Amino acid sequence: MSRITVEKDLCVQDGACVEVCPARAIALDAESYPEDVPASGCILCGHCVAVCPTHALHHVGLPEDAFLPAQNAWPAPAAMDAFLKERRSVREFQPQPVAREIMLELLDIARRAPTASNSQNLHWIVVEGREQVHAIAQQIVEGGMHPKLIAQWGAGYDFALRGAPTLVVACAPEDYAWGKEDGAIALTYLELAAEARGIGVCWAGYLTRIAVSYEPLQKALAVPEGYVVRGGLMLGEGTHAYGLIPSRKPLSVQWN
């Protein structure tokens, strides 16, 4: 059974669906209409359906009501550049957690981040509320045995999760080779979407490192069996605004 159907009265035979297919799962027949290539390893990326200018192509594995209309309107480069340069790692947070409806918006953006071969293997954990995040931080301190973490914790400061009111963690199957990369990309999507909404974000590096091997932290997070933590972000409304963009090291680049 073919995975695709084509409305020939709508198809303009431009071959765009064939050109954009990363798995070469579509070819043109003798009449220049697209046809399924059997046993070709379709990854369900949706490019073929999304690129068709007349909506003539349909895929049995891609429900059409799940597609969103493309706006094809991008921020001007100057605005995007300024947004990216002005983002800051926020480590001082207001006490209220990020509203769940906003977190759902952010997670919806993150789940659309690119993944290896469109595998979409990530699982998300959200910890809501300062007390709950504080309990996770305690597990990080106990599991890491890092002198700086211990000293700051003893002095009453949470150096691990900075007193954040919300924590989001990306997990991937432990036998999945691209979990680190997919997690980092998806968390970056989430970070930038949060920044666009005025939410402060900081990467949870200690959590990411310690959760890989420290079972009490894994249990505190309720990491599903067979999954491993591949990254995390602290989120919340920041307590400060920044008026300047700090300098960075000079660009190191090699042209070959």
Protein backbone atom coordinates (compact mmCIF):
# COMPACT_ATOMS: atom_id res chain seq x y z
CA MET A 1 0.00 0.00 0.00
CA SER A 2 1.32 3.40 -0.99
CA ARG A 3 1.99 5.88 1.80
CA ILE A 4 1.03 8.84 -0.36
CA THR A 5 -1.91 9.80 -2.52
CA VAL A 6 -1.89 12.55 -5.12
CA GLU A 7 -4.81 14.58 -6.42
CA LYS A 8 -3.70 14.81 -10.03
CA ASP A 9 -6.16 17.56 -10.85
CA LEU A 10 -4.36 19.75 -8.27
CA CYS A 11 -0.76 18.59 -8.74
CA VAL A 12 1.37 21.04 -10.74
CA GLN A 13 4.09 18.41 -11.28
CA ASP A 14 6.85 20.69 -10.04
CA GLY A 15 8.72 17.88 -8.26
CA ALA A 16 9.22 19.92 -5.11
CA CYS A 17 8.04 17.06 -2.90
CA VAL A 18 10.67 14.79 -4.42
CA GLU A 19 13.45 17.35 -4.01
CA VAL A 20 12.78 18.06 -0.32
CA CYS A 21 12.36 14.44 0.81
CA PRO A 22 15.44 13.64 2.95
CA ALA A 23 14.87 9.87 2.68
CA ARG A 24 14.28 9.86 -1.07
CA ALA A 25 10.98 8.13 -0.33
CA ILE A 26 9.20 9.84 -3.25
CA ALA A 27 9.98 9.75 -6.97
CA LEU A 28 8.30 11.03 -10.12
CA ASP A 29 6.48 8.52 -12.29
CA ALA A 30 6.47 8.49 -16.08
CA GLU A 31 3.91 11.31 -16.12
CA SER A 32 5.90 13.43 -13.60
CA TYR A 33 3.50 12.80 -10.75
CA PRO A 34 4.96 11.89 -7.34
CA GLU A 35 4.77 8.28 -6.26
CA ASP A 36 5.85 6.31 -3.20
CA VAL A 37 9.20 4.50 -3.26
CA PRO A 38 8.65 1.22 -1.40
CA ALA A 39 10.96 0.29 1.49
CA SER A 40 12.68 3.68 1.33
CA GLY A 41 12.67 4.54 5.02
CA CYS A 42 10.27 7.49 5.22
CA ILE A 43 10.94 9.39 8.48
CA LEU A 44 7.56 11.17 8.60
CA CYS A 45 9.13 14.62 8.52
CA GLY A 46 6.16 16.07 6.60
CA HIS A 47 8.28 18.03 4.13
CA CYS A 48 6.46 16.55 1.12
CA VAL A 49 3.04 17.65 2.34
CA ALA A 50 4.24 21.00 3.66
CA VAL A 51 5.99 22.06 0.44
CA CYS A 52 3.16 21.25 -1.96
CA PRO A 53 1.81 24.61 -3.21
CA THR A 54 -1.61 23.23 -4.12
CA HIS A 55 -2.12 20.75 -1.23
CA ALA A 56 -2.32 17.95 -3.75
CA LEU A 57 -0.21 15.43 -1.84
CA HIS A 58 -1.44 13.48 1.19
CA HIS A 59 0.45 11.07 3.46
CA VAL A 60 -1.25 8.30 5.44
CA GLY A 61 1.15 8.76 8.36
CA LEU A 62 0.66 12.52 8.62
CA PRO A 63 -2.85 13.66 9.62
CA GLU A 64 -3.64 16.84 7.74
CA ASP A 65 -5.45 18.41 10.68
CA ALA A 66 -2.17 18.30 12.62
CA PHE A 67 -0.43 20.66 10.18
CA LEU A 68 -0.26 24.36 11.00
CA PRO A 69 -0.41 27.15 8.40
CA ALA A 70 2.97 28.74 7.69
CA GLN A 71 3.09 32.50 8.18
CA ASN A 72 6.21 32.96 6.05
CA ALA A 73 6.89 36.22 7.88
CA TRP A 74 10.22 36.42 9.70
CA PRO A 75 11.60 39.09 12.02
CA ALA A 76 14.01 41.49 10.34
CA PRO A 77 17.64 40.36 10.76
CA ALA A 78 18.44 43.40 12.92
CA ALA A 79 15.59 42.57 15.32
CA MET A 80 16.55 38.91 15.51
CA ASP A 81 20.22 39.71 15.98
CA ALA A 82 19.41 42.12 18.81
CA PHE A 83 17.16 39.55 20.48
CA LEU A 84 19.88 36.89 20.41
CA LYS A 85 22.63 39.25 21.59
CA GLU A 86 20.56 40.68 24.42
CA ARG A 87 19.53 37.38 26.02
CA ARG A 88 21.09 36.86 29.44
CA SER A 89 21.38 33.88 31.76
CA VAL A 90 19.04 34.79 34.61
CA ARG A 91 19.95 33.56 38.09
CA GLU A 92 17.74 35.73 40.29
CA PHE A 93 14.05 34.86 40.12
CA GLN A 94 10.70 36.07 41.39
CA PRO A 95 9.01 33.38 43.54
CA GLN A 96 6.01 32.56 41.34
CA PRO A 97 6.38 29.59 38.94
CA VAL A 98 5.82 29.97 35.24
CA ALA A 99 2.11 29.50 34.53
CA ARG A 100 1.30 26.05 33.23
CA GLU A 101 -0.41 27.35 30.10
CA ILE A 102 2.78 29.23 29.22
CA MET A 103 4.88 26.15 29.92
CA LEU A 104 2.67 24.19 27.54
CA GLU A 105 3.30 26.83 24.87
CA LEU A 106 7.05 26.56 25.43
CA LEU A 107 7.00 22.78 25.33
CA ASP A 108 5.01 22.84 22.11
CA ILE A 109 7.76 24.97 20.57
CA ALA A 110 10.46 22.68 21.97
CA ARG A 111 8.86 19.53 20.59
CA ARG A 112 9.12 21.01 17.11
CA ALA A 113 12.90 21.34 17.34
CA PRO A 114 14.86 19.20 14.87
CA THR A 115 15.84 15.72 16.02
CA ALA A 116 18.08 13.13 14.40
CA SER A 117 16.16 11.43 11.57
CA ASN A 118 13.01 13.09 12.92
CA SER A 119 13.05 10.54 15.77
CA GLN A 120 11.26 12.85 18.27
CA ASN A 121 12.41 10.71 21.18
CA LEU A 122 12.47 13.36 23.91
CA HIS A 123 10.44 13.15 27.11
CA TRP A 124 9.88 16.21 29.29
CA ILE A 125 9.71 16.67 33.06
CA VAL A 126 8.49 19.93 34.60
CA VAL A 127 8.98 20.69 38.29
CA GLU A 128 6.68 23.47 39.48
CA GLY A 129 7.14 25.57 42.61
CA ARG A 130 10.15 26.76 44.56
CA GLU A 131 9.84 24.12 47.28
CA GLN A 132 9.76 21.30 44.75
CA VAL A 133 12.70 22.73 42.80
CA HIS A 134 14.58 23.27 46.08
CA ALA A 135 14.18 19.58 46.90
CA ILE A 136 15.70 18.70 43.52
CA ALA A 137 18.57 21.09 44.22
CA GLN A 138 19.27 19.33 47.51
CA GLN A 139 19.64 16.05 45.65
CA ILE A 140 22.06 17.72 43.25
CA VAL A 141 24.18 18.98 46.13
CA GLU A 142 24.17 15.61 47.86
CA GLY A 143 24.95 13.72 44.69
CA GLY A 144 27.61 16.06 43.35
CA MET A 145 29.71 16.48 46.49
CA HIS A 146 31.14 19.56 44.80
CA PRO A 147 32.92 21.87 47.29
CA LYS A 148 31.37 25.04 45.84
CA LEU A 149 27.86 23.53 45.87
CA ILE A 150 28.25 22.30 49.44
CA ALA A 151 29.69 25.59 50.71
CA GLN A 152 27.01 27.71 49.09
CA TRP A 153 24.24 25.35 50.23
CA GLY A 154 25.55 25.48 53.78
CA ALA A 155 25.51 29.27 53.60
CA GLY A 156 21.85 29.21 52.57
CA TYR A 157 22.26 29.80 48.84
CA ASP A 158 21.15 27.36 46.16
CA PHE A 159 24.08 27.43 43.74
CA ALA A 160 22.69 24.45 41.80
CA LEU A 161 19.27 25.74 40.75
CA ARG A 162 19.44 29.35 41.98
CA GLY A 163 16.13 29.31 43.80
CA ALA A 164 14.24 29.02 40.52
CA PRO A 165 10.47 28.52 40.76
CA THR A 166 10.28 26.25 37.70
CA LEU A 167 12.55 23.57 36.31
CA VAL A 168 12.22 21.79 32.97
CA VAL A 169 14.23 18.67 32.14
CA ALA A 170 14.70 16.94 28.79
CA CYS A 171 15.15 13.16 28.82
CA ALA A 172 15.93 10.68 26.06
CA PRO A 173 16.09 6.88 25.86
CA GLU A 174 19.40 5.72 27.30
CA ASP A 175 20.12 3.64 24.19
CA TYR A 176 19.43 6.54 21.82
CA ALA A 177 22.70 7.79 20.33
CA TRP A 178 21.59 11.38 19.66
CA GLY A 179 19.95 12.22 23.00
CA LYS A 180 22.49 14.87 24.03
CA GLU A 181 22.28 16.69 20.74
CA ASP A 182 18.49 16.52 20.45
CA GLY A 183 18.08 17.61 24.06
CA ALA A 184 20.39 20.61 23.66
CA ILE A 185 18.65 21.78 20.49
CA ALA A 186 15.15 21.42 21.95
CA LEU A 187 16.13 23.16 25.18
CA THR A 188 17.59 26.02 23.15
CA TYR A 189 14.28 26.35 21.32
CA LEU A 190 12.50 26.44 24.66
CA GLU A 191 14.96 28.95 26.09
CA LEU A 192 14.52 31.41 23.24
CA ALA A 193 10.74 31.02 23.25
CA ALA A 194 10.78 31.78 26.98
CA GLU A 195 13.00 34.83 26.46
CA ALA A 196 10.55 36.12 23.86
CA ARG A 197 7.85 35.98 26.55
CA GLY A 198 9.94 37.85 29.11
CA ILE A 199 10.76 34.74 31.14
CA GLY A 200 14.24 34.43 32.61
CA VAL A 201 16.18 31.25 31.85
CA CYS A 202 19.43 29.63 32.97
CA TRP A 203 20.91 26.27 31.99
CA ALA A 204 21.03 23.67 34.78
CA GLY A 205 24.49 22.28 34.16
CA TYR A 206 25.01 20.67 37.56
CA LEU A 207 21.70 18.85 37.27
CA THR A 208 22.54 17.55 33.81
CA ARG A 209 25.92 16.18 34.89
CA ILE A 210 24.86 14.62 38.19
CA ALA A 211 21.51 13.16 37.07
CA VAL A 212 23.23 10.82 34.63
CA SER A 213 24.55 8.59 37.41
CA TYR A 214 22.97 9.62 40.75
CA GLU A 215 19.91 7.46 41.33
CA PRO A 216 18.36 9.50 44.19
CA LEU A 217 18.22 12.51 41.86
CA GLN A 218 16.72 10.38 39.11
CA LYS A 219 14.06 9.16 41.53
CA ALA A 220 13.33 12.69 42.76
CA LEU A 221 12.74 13.74 39.16
CA ALA A 222 10.75 10.55 38.44
CA VAL A 223 12.82 9.90 35.32
CA PRO A 224 11.04 7.10 33.40
CA GLU A 225 12.74 3.73 33.32
CA GLY A 226 15.04 3.41 30.34
CA TYR A 227 15.49 7.18 30.02
CA VAL A 228 18.36 9.46 30.99
CA VAL A 229 18.47 13.22 31.66
CA ARG A 230 19.96 15.12 28.73
CA GLY A 231 19.60 18.70 29.94
CA GLY A 232 17.59 21.12 32.00
CA LEU A 233 16.62 24.77 32.35
CA MET A 234 15.68 26.92 35.33
CA LEU A 235 12.87 29.33 34.53
CA GLY A 236 11.02 32.19 36.17
CA GLU A 237 10.45 35.90 36.05
CA GLY A 238 13.76 37.64 36.58
CA THR A 239 14.23 40.26 39.26
CA HIS A 240 16.53 42.54 37.22
CA ALA A 241 16.70 44.13 33.78
CA TYR A 242 19.89 44.61 31.80
CA GLY A 243 20.69 47.80 29.90
CA LEU A 244 23.95 46.76 28.27
CA ILE A 245 25.27 43.84 26.27
CA PRO A 246 28.56 42.53 27.71
CA SER A 247 31.54 41.96 25.43
CA ARG A 248 32.64 38.50 24.35
CA LYS A 249 35.96 36.95 23.43
CA PRO A 250 37.18 37.87 19.93
CA LEU A 251 35.84 35.68 17.17
CA SER A 252 37.94 32.60 16.50
CA VAL A 253 37.32 31.45 12.94
CA GLN A 254 39.10 29.44 10.28
CA TRP A 255 38.26 29.64 6.60
CA ASN A 256 39.24 26.67 4.49
